[in-house]
Amino acid sequence: MKNNWMGISLLFIWCLFMGVTAISIGFGAVFPSMNLIAKPFICPRGEMQLETQDYYPSPVETVTTLTWYCVDHTTGEKVELGLFPMSLYAGLIYGFLLFLVIYAGWKVWMYKLASQASPTHDSTTPKPNWERDLAEQIHQTNMEFENRGARTKSSLNALDRMKELKGMRDANLISEAEYEQKRAEILKEM
């Protein structure tokens, strides 16, 4: 099965973007411990700590701030971590995992489609030609649409001719007998 490298590349970029924005920043705000996956990259010699502060700007409103720190094991120094590097590293990891899940799911789905399209048979039973059957179904559907279109065109043409015929009769350009004869011919053509 031929891989579409452009599509796979775009999927990979999209997954990295979603890993940073939706998973790391979005879900990371709701579940802050998700960002601990970035520890080896942004706090290699220490431990990541989360501090929260609640503010009450009004009686009905609560604002919670999350601040991440890297605490060095040897010196005990506490350095505030920026949101961008932490979200970037964690997001790229989650984006790569998202890509692997989507790509694996796509491969499984394509394998199932291929196995359904050409079922296995024993050697005595002839194998059905599913491509031919599908082409015939598409051809029949196209013919039905064309026939509907042709009937619609002939109906519209007949309607125009009937209106013209009625106008000629109303203007006394043709007799009632000629009108009835032509009307029967138009109806017969439909």
N, C-alpha and C. Protein backbone atom coordinates (compact mmCIF):
# COMPACT_ATOMS: atom_id res chain seq x y z
N MET A 1 0.84 -1.17 0.00
CA MET A 1 0.00 0.00 0.00
C MET A 1 0.89 1.24 0.00
N LYS A 2 0.62 2.15 -0.89
CA LYS A 2 1.44 3.34 -1.06
C LYS A 2 1.12 4.36 0.04
N ASN A 3 2.15 4.88 0.68
CA ASN A 3 1.96 5.91 1.70
C ASN A 3 1.90 7.28 1.05
N ASN A 4 1.06 8.11 1.55
CA ASN A 4 0.95 9.48 1.10
C ASN A 4 1.83 10.32 2.04
N TRP A 5 3.07 10.57 1.64
CA TRP A 5 4.03 11.24 2.53
C TRP A 5 3.64 12.67 2.84
N MET A 6 3.02 13.35 1.90
CA MET A 6 2.60 14.73 2.17
C MET A 6 1.50 14.72 3.24
N GLY A 7 0.55 13.81 3.10
CA GLY A 7 -0.53 13.71 4.08
C GLY A 7 -0.01 13.31 5.45
N ILE A 8 0.94 12.38 5.47
CA ILE A 8 1.51 11.95 6.74
C ILE A 8 2.29 13.09 7.39
N SER A 9 3.01 13.86 6.58
CA SER A 9 3.76 15.00 7.11
C SER A 9 2.83 16.04 7.71
N LEU A 10 1.74 16.33 7.00
CA LEU A 10 0.76 17.30 7.52
C LEU A 10 0.10 16.79 8.79
N LEU A 11 -0.19 15.49 8.84
CA LEU A 11 -0.76 14.90 10.05
C LEU A 11 0.23 15.04 11.21
N PHE A 12 1.52 14.79 10.94
CA PHE A 12 2.54 14.90 11.98
C PHE A 12 2.62 16.33 12.52
N ILE A 13 2.62 17.31 11.63
CA ILE A 13 2.69 18.72 12.06
C ILE A 13 1.44 19.08 12.86
N TRP A 14 0.27 18.63 12.38
CA TRP A 14 -0.97 18.91 13.09
C TRP A 14 -0.94 18.30 14.49
N CYS A 15 -0.44 17.06 14.60
CA CYS A 15 -0.37 16.40 15.89
C CYS A 15 0.56 17.14 16.85
N LEU A 16 1.70 17.62 16.34
CA LEU A 16 2.60 18.39 17.20
C LEU A 16 1.93 19.68 17.67
N PHE A 17 1.23 20.34 16.76
CA PHE A 17 0.51 21.57 17.12
C PHE A 17 -0.55 21.27 18.19
N MET A 18 -1.33 20.21 17.99
CA MET A 18 -2.37 19.86 18.95
C MET A 18 -1.75 19.41 20.28
N GLY A 19 -0.59 18.78 20.22
CA GLY A 19 0.09 18.37 21.45
C GLY A 19 0.46 19.56 22.30
N VAL A 20 0.96 20.63 21.65
CA VAL A 20 1.35 21.82 22.40
C VAL A 20 0.12 22.60 22.87
N THR A 21 -0.80 22.89 21.93
CA THR A 21 -1.91 23.78 22.28
C THR A 21 -3.00 23.08 23.09
N ALA A 22 -3.52 21.99 22.57
CA ALA A 22 -4.67 21.36 23.23
C ALA A 22 -4.27 20.51 24.42
N ILE A 23 -3.24 19.67 24.24
CA ILE A 23 -2.92 18.73 25.31
C ILE A 23 -2.09 19.40 26.40
N SER A 24 -0.94 19.98 26.04
CA SER A 24 -0.05 20.52 27.06
C SER A 24 -0.62 21.79 27.71
N ILE A 25 -1.05 22.75 26.91
CA ILE A 25 -1.56 24.00 27.49
C ILE A 25 -2.99 23.80 27.99
N GLY A 26 -3.86 23.21 27.16
CA GLY A 26 -5.26 23.06 27.54
C GLY A 26 -5.47 22.08 28.67
N PHE A 27 -5.15 20.81 28.42
CA PHE A 27 -5.32 19.80 29.46
C PHE A 27 -4.33 20.01 30.61
N GLY A 28 -3.16 20.59 30.29
CA GLY A 28 -2.18 20.86 31.34
C GLY A 28 -2.65 21.88 32.35
N ALA A 29 -3.56 22.79 31.94
CA ALA A 29 -4.12 23.75 32.89
C ALA A 29 -5.12 23.07 33.81
N VAL A 30 -5.84 22.08 33.30
CA VAL A 30 -6.82 21.37 34.10
C VAL A 30 -6.15 20.29 34.95
N PHE A 31 -5.19 19.59 34.35
CA PHE A 31 -4.45 18.53 35.04
C PHE A 31 -2.95 18.90 35.00
N PRO A 32 -2.49 19.75 35.91
CA PRO A 32 -1.10 20.26 35.84
C PRO A 32 -0.03 19.17 35.88
N SER A 33 -0.31 18.06 36.51
CA SER A 33 0.72 17.02 36.61
C SER A 33 1.08 16.43 35.24
N MET A 34 0.25 16.67 34.23
CA MET A 34 0.59 16.19 32.88
C MET A 34 1.90 16.81 32.38
N ASN A 35 2.21 18.02 32.85
CA ASN A 35 3.41 18.70 32.37
C ASN A 35 4.69 18.17 32.98
N LEU A 36 4.58 17.24 33.93
CA LEU A 36 5.78 16.65 34.51
C LEU A 36 6.57 15.83 33.50
N ILE A 37 5.95 15.49 32.39
CA ILE A 37 6.65 14.72 31.35
C ILE A 37 7.83 15.53 30.77
N ALA A 38 7.79 16.85 30.91
CA ALA A 38 8.86 17.71 30.38
C ALA A 38 10.04 17.85 31.34
N LYS A 39 10.00 17.25 32.51
CA LYS A 39 11.04 17.41 33.52
C LYS A 39 12.45 17.12 33.02
N PRO A 40 12.69 16.02 32.30
CA PRO A 40 14.07 15.75 31.87
C PRO A 40 14.66 16.85 30.98
N PHE A 41 13.81 17.62 30.33
CA PHE A 41 14.31 18.64 29.41
C PHE A 41 14.46 20.01 30.06
N ILE A 42 13.56 20.36 30.99
CA ILE A 42 13.63 21.72 31.54
C ILE A 42 14.12 21.77 32.98
N CYS A 43 14.18 20.64 33.64
CA CYS A 43 14.68 20.60 35.01
C CYS A 43 15.47 19.30 35.24
N PRO A 44 16.60 19.13 34.52
CA PRO A 44 17.29 17.85 34.56
C PRO A 44 17.98 17.55 35.90
N ARG A 45 18.42 18.57 36.62
CA ARG A 45 19.15 18.33 37.87
C ARG A 45 18.30 18.58 39.10
N GLY A 46 17.01 18.69 38.92
CA GLY A 46 16.18 19.01 40.08
C GLY A 46 14.81 18.35 40.00
N GLU A 47 13.92 18.91 40.79
CA GLU A 47 12.56 18.39 40.87
C GLU A 47 11.59 19.53 40.53
N MET A 48 10.58 19.20 39.77
CA MET A 48 9.57 20.21 39.42
C MET A 48 8.53 20.28 40.55
N GLN A 49 8.23 21.52 40.95
CA GLN A 49 7.23 21.75 41.98
C GLN A 49 6.18 22.70 41.45
N LEU A 50 4.95 22.47 41.87
CA LEU A 50 3.84 23.32 41.45
C LEU A 50 3.30 24.05 42.66
N GLU A 51 3.17 25.36 42.52
CA GLU A 51 2.55 26.16 43.58
C GLU A 51 1.31 26.83 42.99
N THR A 52 0.24 26.79 43.76
CA THR A 52 -1.00 27.43 43.32
C THR A 52 -1.35 28.54 44.30
N GLN A 53 -1.94 29.59 43.75
CA GLN A 53 -2.42 30.69 44.58
C GLN A 53 -3.82 31.01 44.12
N ASP A 54 -4.71 31.17 45.09
CA ASP A 54 -6.08 31.54 44.79
C ASP A 54 -6.30 33.00 45.13
N TYR A 55 -6.92 33.72 44.21
CA TYR A 55 -7.29 35.12 44.41
C TYR A 55 -8.80 35.22 44.30
N TYR A 56 -9.37 36.14 45.06
CA TYR A 56 -10.81 36.35 45.05
C TYR A 56 -11.10 37.81 44.67
N PRO A 57 -11.11 38.12 43.38
CA PRO A 57 -11.33 39.50 42.97
C PRO A 57 -12.74 40.01 43.29
N SER A 58 -13.70 39.11 43.40
CA SER A 58 -15.06 39.48 43.79
C SER A 58 -15.66 38.29 44.55
N PRO A 59 -16.79 38.50 45.22
CA PRO A 59 -17.37 37.41 46.00
C PRO A 59 -17.79 36.18 45.17
N VAL A 60 -18.00 36.36 43.88
CA VAL A 60 -18.44 35.24 43.04
C VAL A 60 -17.36 34.72 42.12
N GLU A 61 -16.17 35.25 42.23
CA GLU A 61 -15.11 34.93 41.29
C GLU A 61 -13.87 34.44 42.03
N THR A 62 -13.29 33.35 41.51
CA THR A 62 -12.04 32.83 42.06
C THR A 62 -11.06 32.65 40.92
N VAL A 63 -9.85 33.17 41.10
CA VAL A 63 -8.80 33.02 40.10
C VAL A 63 -7.67 32.22 40.73
N THR A 64 -7.26 31.16 40.04
CA THR A 64 -6.17 30.32 40.54
C THR A 64 -5.00 30.44 39.57
N THR A 65 -3.83 30.76 40.11
CA THR A 65 -2.64 30.82 39.27
C THR A 65 -1.78 29.59 39.59
N LEU A 66 -1.18 29.06 38.55
CA LEU A 66 -0.28 27.92 38.68
C LEU A 66 1.13 28.39 38.33
N THR A 67 2.07 28.12 39.20
CA THR A 67 3.46 28.49 38.94
C THR A 67 4.33 27.27 39.15
N TRP A 68 5.10 26.93 38.14
CA TRP A 68 6.00 25.79 38.21
C TRP A 68 7.40 26.29 38.57
N TYR A 69 8.07 25.53 39.44
CA TYR A 69 9.44 25.84 39.83
C TYR A 69 10.31 24.60 39.63
N CYS A 70 11.58 24.87 39.37
CA CYS A 70 12.58 23.80 39.33
C CYS A 70 13.45 23.97 40.57
N VAL A 71 13.41 22.98 41.46
CA VAL A 71 14.19 23.04 42.69
C VAL A 71 15.40 22.14 42.52
N ASP A 72 16.60 22.76 42.58
CA ASP A 72 17.85 22.02 42.40
C ASP A 72 18.10 21.15 43.63
N HIS A 73 18.45 19.86 43.39
CA HIS A 73 18.69 18.92 44.49
C HIS A 73 19.90 19.31 45.33
N THR A 74 20.96 19.77 44.68
CA THR A 74 22.21 20.03 45.41
C THR A 74 22.18 21.35 46.15
N THR A 75 21.71 22.41 45.52
CA THR A 75 21.76 23.74 46.15
C THR A 75 20.45 24.14 46.78
N GLY A 76 19.33 23.53 46.39
CA GLY A 76 18.02 23.92 46.92
C GLY A 76 17.48 25.17 46.25
N GLU A 77 18.19 25.65 45.24
CA GLU A 77 17.77 26.87 44.53
C GLU A 77 16.44 26.61 43.81
N LYS A 78 15.55 27.59 43.91
CA LYS A 78 14.21 27.48 43.31
C LYS A 78 14.12 28.48 42.16
N VAL A 79 13.96 27.96 40.94
CA VAL A 79 13.91 28.80 39.74
C VAL A 79 12.53 28.63 39.10
N GLU A 80 11.87 29.77 38.83
CA GLU A 80 10.55 29.71 38.19
C GLU A 80 10.70 29.27 36.74
N LEU A 81 9.83 28.34 36.33
CA LEU A 81 9.85 27.85 34.96
C LEU A 81 8.84 28.63 34.13
N GLY A 82 9.24 28.95 32.93
CA GLY A 82 8.31 29.64 32.03
C GLY A 82 7.30 28.67 31.44
N LEU A 83 6.14 29.20 31.13
CA LEU A 83 5.08 28.37 30.55
C LEU A 83 5.47 27.86 29.17
N PHE A 84 6.13 28.73 28.38
CA PHE A 84 6.42 28.36 27.00
C PHE A 84 7.36 27.15 26.89
N PRO A 85 8.55 27.15 27.54
CA PRO A 85 9.42 25.98 27.38
C PRO A 85 8.78 24.70 27.90
N MET A 86 8.09 24.80 29.05
CA MET A 86 7.47 23.61 29.62
C MET A 86 6.37 23.08 28.69
N SER A 87 5.52 23.97 28.19
CA SER A 87 4.44 23.56 27.29
C SER A 87 5.00 23.04 25.97
N LEU A 88 6.06 23.65 25.49
CA LEU A 88 6.64 23.23 24.23
C LEU A 88 7.19 21.80 24.33
N TYR A 89 8.01 21.54 25.35
CA TYR A 89 8.58 20.20 25.48
C TYR A 89 7.50 19.16 25.75
N ALA A 90 6.63 19.44 26.70
CA ALA A 90 5.56 18.47 27.01
C ALA A 90 4.65 18.29 25.81
N GLY A 91 4.33 19.38 25.13
CA GLY A 91 3.43 19.30 23.98
C GLY A 91 4.02 18.52 22.82
N LEU A 92 5.31 18.68 22.58
CA LEU A 92 5.94 17.92 21.50
C LEU A 92 5.93 16.42 21.80
N ILE A 93 6.13 16.09 23.07
CA ILE A 93 6.09 14.67 23.44
C ILE A 93 4.67 14.13 23.26
N TYR A 94 3.68 14.88 23.77
CA TYR A 94 2.29 14.43 23.62
C TYR A 94 1.85 14.43 22.15
N GLY A 95 2.34 15.39 21.38
CA GLY A 95 2.01 15.44 19.96
C GLY A 95 2.56 14.23 19.22
N PHE A 96 3.78 13.85 19.56
CA PHE A 96 4.37 12.66 18.92
C PHE A 96 3.58 11.40 19.29
N LEU A 97 3.18 11.30 20.56
CA LEU A 97 2.37 10.15 20.98
C LEU A 97 1.01 10.15 20.27
N LEU A 98 0.42 11.34 20.11
CA LEU A 98 -0.86 11.45 19.40
C LEU A 98 -0.69 10.99 17.95
N PHE A 99 0.41 11.39 17.33
CA PHE A 99 0.67 10.98 15.95
C PHE A 99 0.78 9.46 15.86
N LEU A 100 1.51 8.84 16.78
CA LEU A 100 1.66 7.39 16.75
C LEU A 100 0.31 6.69 16.89
N VAL A 101 -0.54 7.19 17.77
CA VAL A 101 -1.85 6.57 17.97
C VAL A 101 -2.71 6.72 16.72
N ILE A 102 -2.75 7.92 16.14
CA ILE A 102 -3.57 8.15 14.94
C ILE A 102 -3.04 7.34 13.77
N TYR A 103 -1.72 7.34 13.57
CA TYR A 103 -1.14 6.61 12.45
C TYR A 103 -1.38 5.10 12.59
N ALA A 104 -1.20 4.57 13.80
CA ALA A 104 -1.44 3.14 14.02
C ALA A 104 -2.92 2.81 13.80
N GLY A 105 -3.81 3.66 14.28
CA GLY A 105 -5.23 3.44 14.07
C GLY A 105 -5.60 3.48 12.60
N TRP A 106 -4.99 4.41 11.86
CA TRP A 106 -5.24 4.52 10.42
C TRP A 106 -4.76 3.26 9.70
N LYS A 107 -3.58 2.76 10.08
CA LYS A 107 -3.05 1.55 9.45
C LYS A 107 -3.96 0.34 9.73
N VAL A 108 -4.42 0.22 10.96
CA VAL A 108 -5.33 -0.89 11.31
C VAL A 108 -6.63 -0.77 10.51
N TRP A 109 -7.16 0.44 10.42
CA TRP A 109 -8.40 0.67 9.68
C TRP A 109 -8.21 0.32 8.20
N MET A 110 -7.09 0.74 7.60
CA MET A 110 -6.84 0.43 6.19
C MET A 110 -6.67 -1.08 6.00
N TYR A 111 -6.03 -1.75 6.94
CA TYR A 111 -5.86 -3.20 6.84
C TYR A 111 -7.22 -3.89 6.88
N LYS A 112 -8.10 -3.43 7.77
CA LYS A 112 -9.44 -4.02 7.86
C LYS A 112 -10.23 -3.77 6.59
N LEU A 113 -10.13 -2.57 6.03
CA LEU A 113 -10.82 -2.28 4.78
C LEU A 113 -10.33 -3.18 3.66
N ALA A 114 -9.02 -3.37 3.59
CA ALA A 114 -8.44 -4.21 2.54
C ALA A 114 -8.87 -5.66 2.71
N SER A 115 -8.92 -6.12 3.95
CA SER A 115 -9.31 -7.51 4.16
C SER A 115 -10.80 -7.71 3.91
N GLN A 116 -11.63 -6.69 4.14
CA GLN A 116 -13.06 -6.80 3.84
C GLN A 116 -13.30 -6.73 2.34
N ALA A 117 -12.51 -5.96 1.66
CA ALA A 117 -12.69 -5.79 0.22
C ALA A 117 -12.34 -7.04 -0.55
N SER A 118 -11.36 -7.78 -0.09
CA SER A 118 -10.99 -9.03 -0.78
C SER A 118 -10.99 -10.17 0.23
N PRO A 119 -12.19 -10.71 0.52
CA PRO A 119 -12.25 -11.79 1.50
C PRO A 119 -11.56 -13.04 1.00
N THR A 120 -11.08 -13.84 1.92
CA THR A 120 -10.39 -15.08 1.54
C THR A 120 -11.43 -16.16 1.26
N HIS A 121 -11.16 -16.94 0.25
CA HIS A 121 -12.04 -18.05 -0.14
C HIS A 121 -11.18 -19.29 -0.30
N ASP A 122 -11.86 -20.42 -0.23
CA ASP A 122 -11.12 -21.64 -0.55
C ASP A 122 -10.91 -21.71 -2.06
N SER A 123 -10.06 -22.59 -2.49
CA SER A 123 -9.66 -22.61 -3.90
C SER A 123 -10.79 -23.04 -4.83
N THR A 124 -11.84 -23.71 -4.32
CA THR A 124 -12.92 -24.16 -5.19
C THR A 124 -13.94 -23.07 -5.47
N THR A 125 -14.07 -22.10 -4.58
CA THR A 125 -15.03 -21.02 -4.76
C THR A 125 -14.37 -19.89 -5.54
N PRO A 126 -14.99 -19.46 -6.64
CA PRO A 126 -14.39 -18.34 -7.37
C PRO A 126 -14.46 -17.06 -6.54
N LYS A 127 -13.43 -16.28 -6.66
CA LYS A 127 -13.33 -15.04 -5.92
C LYS A 127 -14.16 -13.96 -6.62
N PRO A 128 -15.04 -13.25 -5.88
CA PRO A 128 -15.85 -12.22 -6.54
C PRO A 128 -14.99 -11.02 -6.93
N ASN A 129 -15.36 -10.41 -8.02
CA ASN A 129 -14.63 -9.23 -8.47
C ASN A 129 -15.32 -8.00 -7.90
N TRP A 130 -14.92 -7.59 -6.70
CA TRP A 130 -15.59 -6.49 -6.02
C TRP A 130 -15.37 -5.17 -6.74
N GLU A 131 -14.25 -5.02 -7.42
CA GLU A 131 -14.02 -3.77 -8.16
C GLU A 131 -15.01 -3.64 -9.32
N ARG A 132 -15.23 -4.75 -10.02
CA ARG A 132 -16.18 -4.73 -11.14
C ARG A 132 -17.59 -4.43 -10.62
N ASP A 133 -17.97 -5.08 -9.50
CA ASP A 133 -19.29 -4.86 -8.93
C ASP A 133 -19.48 -3.41 -8.51
N LEU A 134 -18.43 -2.84 -7.90
CA LEU A 134 -18.50 -1.44 -7.48
C LEU A 134 -18.62 -0.52 -8.68
N ALA A 135 -17.86 -0.80 -9.74
CA ALA A 135 -17.93 0.02 -10.95
C ALA A 135 -19.32 -0.07 -11.58
N GLU A 136 -19.91 -1.27 -11.56
CA GLU A 136 -21.27 -1.42 -12.11
C GLU A 136 -22.28 -0.64 -11.29
N GLN A 137 -22.14 -0.66 -9.98
CA GLN A 137 -23.05 0.10 -9.12
C GLN A 137 -22.93 1.60 -9.38
N ILE A 138 -21.70 2.07 -9.52
CA ILE A 138 -21.49 3.49 -9.80
C ILE A 138 -22.08 3.85 -11.16
N HIS A 139 -21.88 2.98 -12.16
CA HIS A 139 -22.42 3.23 -13.50
C HIS A 139 -23.95 3.27 -13.45
N GLN A 140 -24.58 2.33 -12.74
CA GLN A 140 -26.03 2.32 -12.63
C GLN A 140 -26.54 3.58 -11.95
N THR A 141 -25.86 4.01 -10.91
CA THR A 141 -26.27 5.23 -10.21
C THR A 141 -26.15 6.43 -11.12
N ASN A 142 -25.06 6.52 -11.89
CA ASN A 142 -24.89 7.63 -12.83
C ASN A 142 -25.98 7.62 -13.89
N MET A 143 -26.32 6.43 -14.39
CA MET A 143 -27.37 6.34 -15.41
C MET A 143 -28.71 6.78 -14.84
N GLU A 144 -29.00 6.41 -13.59
CA GLU A 144 -30.25 6.85 -12.97
C GLU A 144 -30.31 8.37 -12.88
N PHE A 145 -29.20 8.99 -12.49
CA PHE A 145 -29.18 10.45 -12.40
C PHE A 145 -29.34 11.08 -13.79
N GLU A 146 -28.68 10.51 -14.79
CA GLU A 146 -28.81 11.05 -16.15
C GLU A 146 -30.24 10.92 -16.65
N ASN A 147 -30.87 9.77 -16.37
CA ASN A 147 -32.26 9.58 -16.79
C ASN A 147 -33.19 10.56 -16.09
N ARG A 148 -32.94 10.80 -14.82
CA ARG A 148 -33.76 11.79 -14.10
C ARG A 148 -33.58 13.16 -14.72
N GLY A 149 -32.33 13.48 -15.06
CA GLY A 149 -32.05 14.77 -15.69
C GLY A 149 -32.72 14.88 -17.05
N ALA A 150 -32.68 13.81 -17.84
CA ALA A 150 -33.31 13.82 -19.16
C ALA A 150 -34.81 13.96 -19.03
N ARG A 151 -35.42 13.25 -18.06
CA ARG A 151 -36.86 13.37 -17.85
C ARG A 151 -37.22 14.78 -17.42
N THR A 152 -36.40 15.37 -16.57
CA THR A 152 -36.66 16.73 -16.12
C THR A 152 -36.58 17.70 -17.29
N LYS A 153 -35.56 17.53 -18.15
CA LYS A 153 -35.42 18.42 -19.31
C LYS A 153 -36.60 18.27 -20.25
N SER A 154 -37.01 17.00 -20.52
CA SER A 154 -38.13 16.81 -21.44
C SER A 154 -39.41 17.34 -20.82
N SER A 155 -39.56 17.20 -19.50
CA SER A 155 -40.75 17.73 -18.84
C SER A 155 -40.79 19.24 -18.92
N LEU A 156 -39.63 19.88 -18.69
CA LEU A 156 -39.58 21.34 -18.80
C LEU A 156 -39.84 21.78 -20.23
N ASN A 157 -39.25 21.08 -21.20
CA ASN A 157 -39.46 21.40 -22.60
C ASN A 157 -40.93 21.24 -22.96
N ALA A 158 -41.55 20.16 -22.50
CA ALA A 158 -42.96 19.92 -22.78
C ALA A 158 -43.82 21.00 -22.13
N LEU A 159 -43.47 21.42 -20.94
CA LEU A 159 -44.23 22.47 -20.25
C LEU A 159 -44.16 23.77 -21.03
N ASP A 160 -42.97 24.11 -21.51
CA ASP A 160 -42.82 25.33 -22.32
C ASP A 160 -43.64 25.24 -23.60
N ARG A 161 -43.60 24.08 -24.24
CA ARG A 161 -44.36 23.90 -25.48
C ARG A 161 -45.86 23.99 -25.23
N MET A 162 -46.32 23.43 -24.08
CA MET A 162 -47.75 23.49 -23.74
C MET A 162 -48.19 24.94 -23.49
N LYS A 163 -47.33 25.71 -22.81
CA LYS A 163 -47.66 27.12 -22.56
C LYS A 163 -47.73 27.89 -23.87
N GLU A 164 -46.76 27.62 -24.74
CA GLU A 164 -46.76 28.29 -26.05
C GLU A 164 -48.00 27.91 -26.85
N LEU A 165 -48.37 26.64 -26.81
CA LEU A 165 -49.55 26.15 -27.53
C LEU A 165 -50.82 26.81 -26.99
N LYS A 166 -50.92 26.91 -25.65
CA LYS A 166 -52.09 27.55 -25.04
C LYS A 166 -52.16 29.02 -25.43
N GLY A 167 -51.01 29.68 -25.45
CA GLY A 167 -50.99 31.09 -25.86
C GLY A 167 -51.46 31.26 -27.30
N MET A 168 -51.04 30.34 -28.17
CA MET A 168 -51.48 30.42 -29.57
C MET A 168 -52.99 30.22 -29.68
N ARG A 169 -53.54 29.27 -28.88
CA ARG A 169 -54.98 29.04 -28.91
C ARG A 169 -55.73 30.25 -28.37
N ASP A 170 -55.22 30.85 -27.27
CA ASP A 170 -55.87 32.01 -26.67
C ASP A 170 -55.85 33.21 -27.62
N ALA A 171 -54.80 33.29 -28.44
CA ALA A 171 -54.70 34.39 -29.40
C ALA A 171 -55.45 34.07 -30.70
N ASN A 172 -56.15 32.92 -30.74
CA ASN A 172 -56.90 32.47 -31.91
C ASN A 172 -56.01 32.29 -33.14
N LEU A 173 -54.78 31.85 -32.92
CA LEU A 173 -53.89 31.56 -34.03
C LEU A 173 -54.09 30.13 -34.53
N ILE A 174 -54.59 29.25 -33.65
CA ILE A 174 -54.91 27.88 -34.04
C ILE A 174 -56.31 27.54 -33.53
N SER A 175 -56.90 26.55 -34.13
CA SER A 175 -58.25 26.15 -33.73
C SER A 175 -58.18 25.23 -32.52
N GLU A 176 -59.36 24.98 -31.92
CA GLU A 176 -59.43 24.09 -30.76
C GLU A 176 -59.01 22.66 -31.13
N ALA A 177 -59.37 22.21 -32.33
CA ALA A 177 -59.00 20.86 -32.78
C ALA A 177 -57.49 20.75 -32.96
N GLU A 178 -56.85 21.79 -33.56
CA GLU A 178 -55.40 21.78 -33.72
C GLU A 178 -54.71 21.80 -32.35
N TYR A 179 -55.28 22.57 -31.42
CA TYR A 179 -54.73 22.65 -30.06
C TYR A 179 -54.75 21.26 -29.41
N GLU A 180 -55.87 20.57 -29.47
CA GLU A 180 -56.00 19.24 -28.85
C GLU A 180 -55.07 18.22 -29.51
N GLN A 181 -54.92 18.30 -30.83
CA GLN A 181 -54.04 17.37 -31.55
C GLN A 181 -52.58 17.57 -31.11
N LYS A 182 -52.13 18.84 -31.10
CA LYS A 182 -50.74 19.13 -30.72
C LYS A 182 -50.50 18.79 -29.24
N ARG A 183 -51.49 19.06 -28.39
CA ARG A 183 -51.38 18.75 -26.95
C ARG A 183 -51.19 17.25 -26.76
N ALA A 184 -51.95 16.45 -27.50
CA ALA A 184 -51.83 14.99 -27.40
C ALA A 184 -50.44 14.53 -27.87
N GLU A 185 -49.91 15.16 -28.91
CA GLU A 185 -48.57 14.80 -29.39
C GLU A 185 -47.50 15.10 -28.33
N ILE A 186 -47.61 16.26 -27.69
CA ILE A 186 -46.62 16.64 -26.67
C ILE A 186 -46.69 15.68 -25.49
N LEU A 187 -47.89 15.34 -25.07
CA LEU A 187 -48.04 14.42 -23.94
C LEU A 187 -47.51 13.03 -24.29
N LYS A 188 -47.70 12.62 -25.56
CA LYS A 188 -47.22 11.32 -25.99
C LYS A 188 -45.69 11.26 -25.98
N GLU A 189 -45.02 12.38 -26.31
CA GLU A 189 -43.56 12.44 -26.33
C GLU A 189 -42.97 12.31 -24.92
N MET A 190 -43.70 12.70 -23.92
CA MET A 190 -43.22 12.61 -22.54
C MET A 190 -43.20 11.18 -22.11
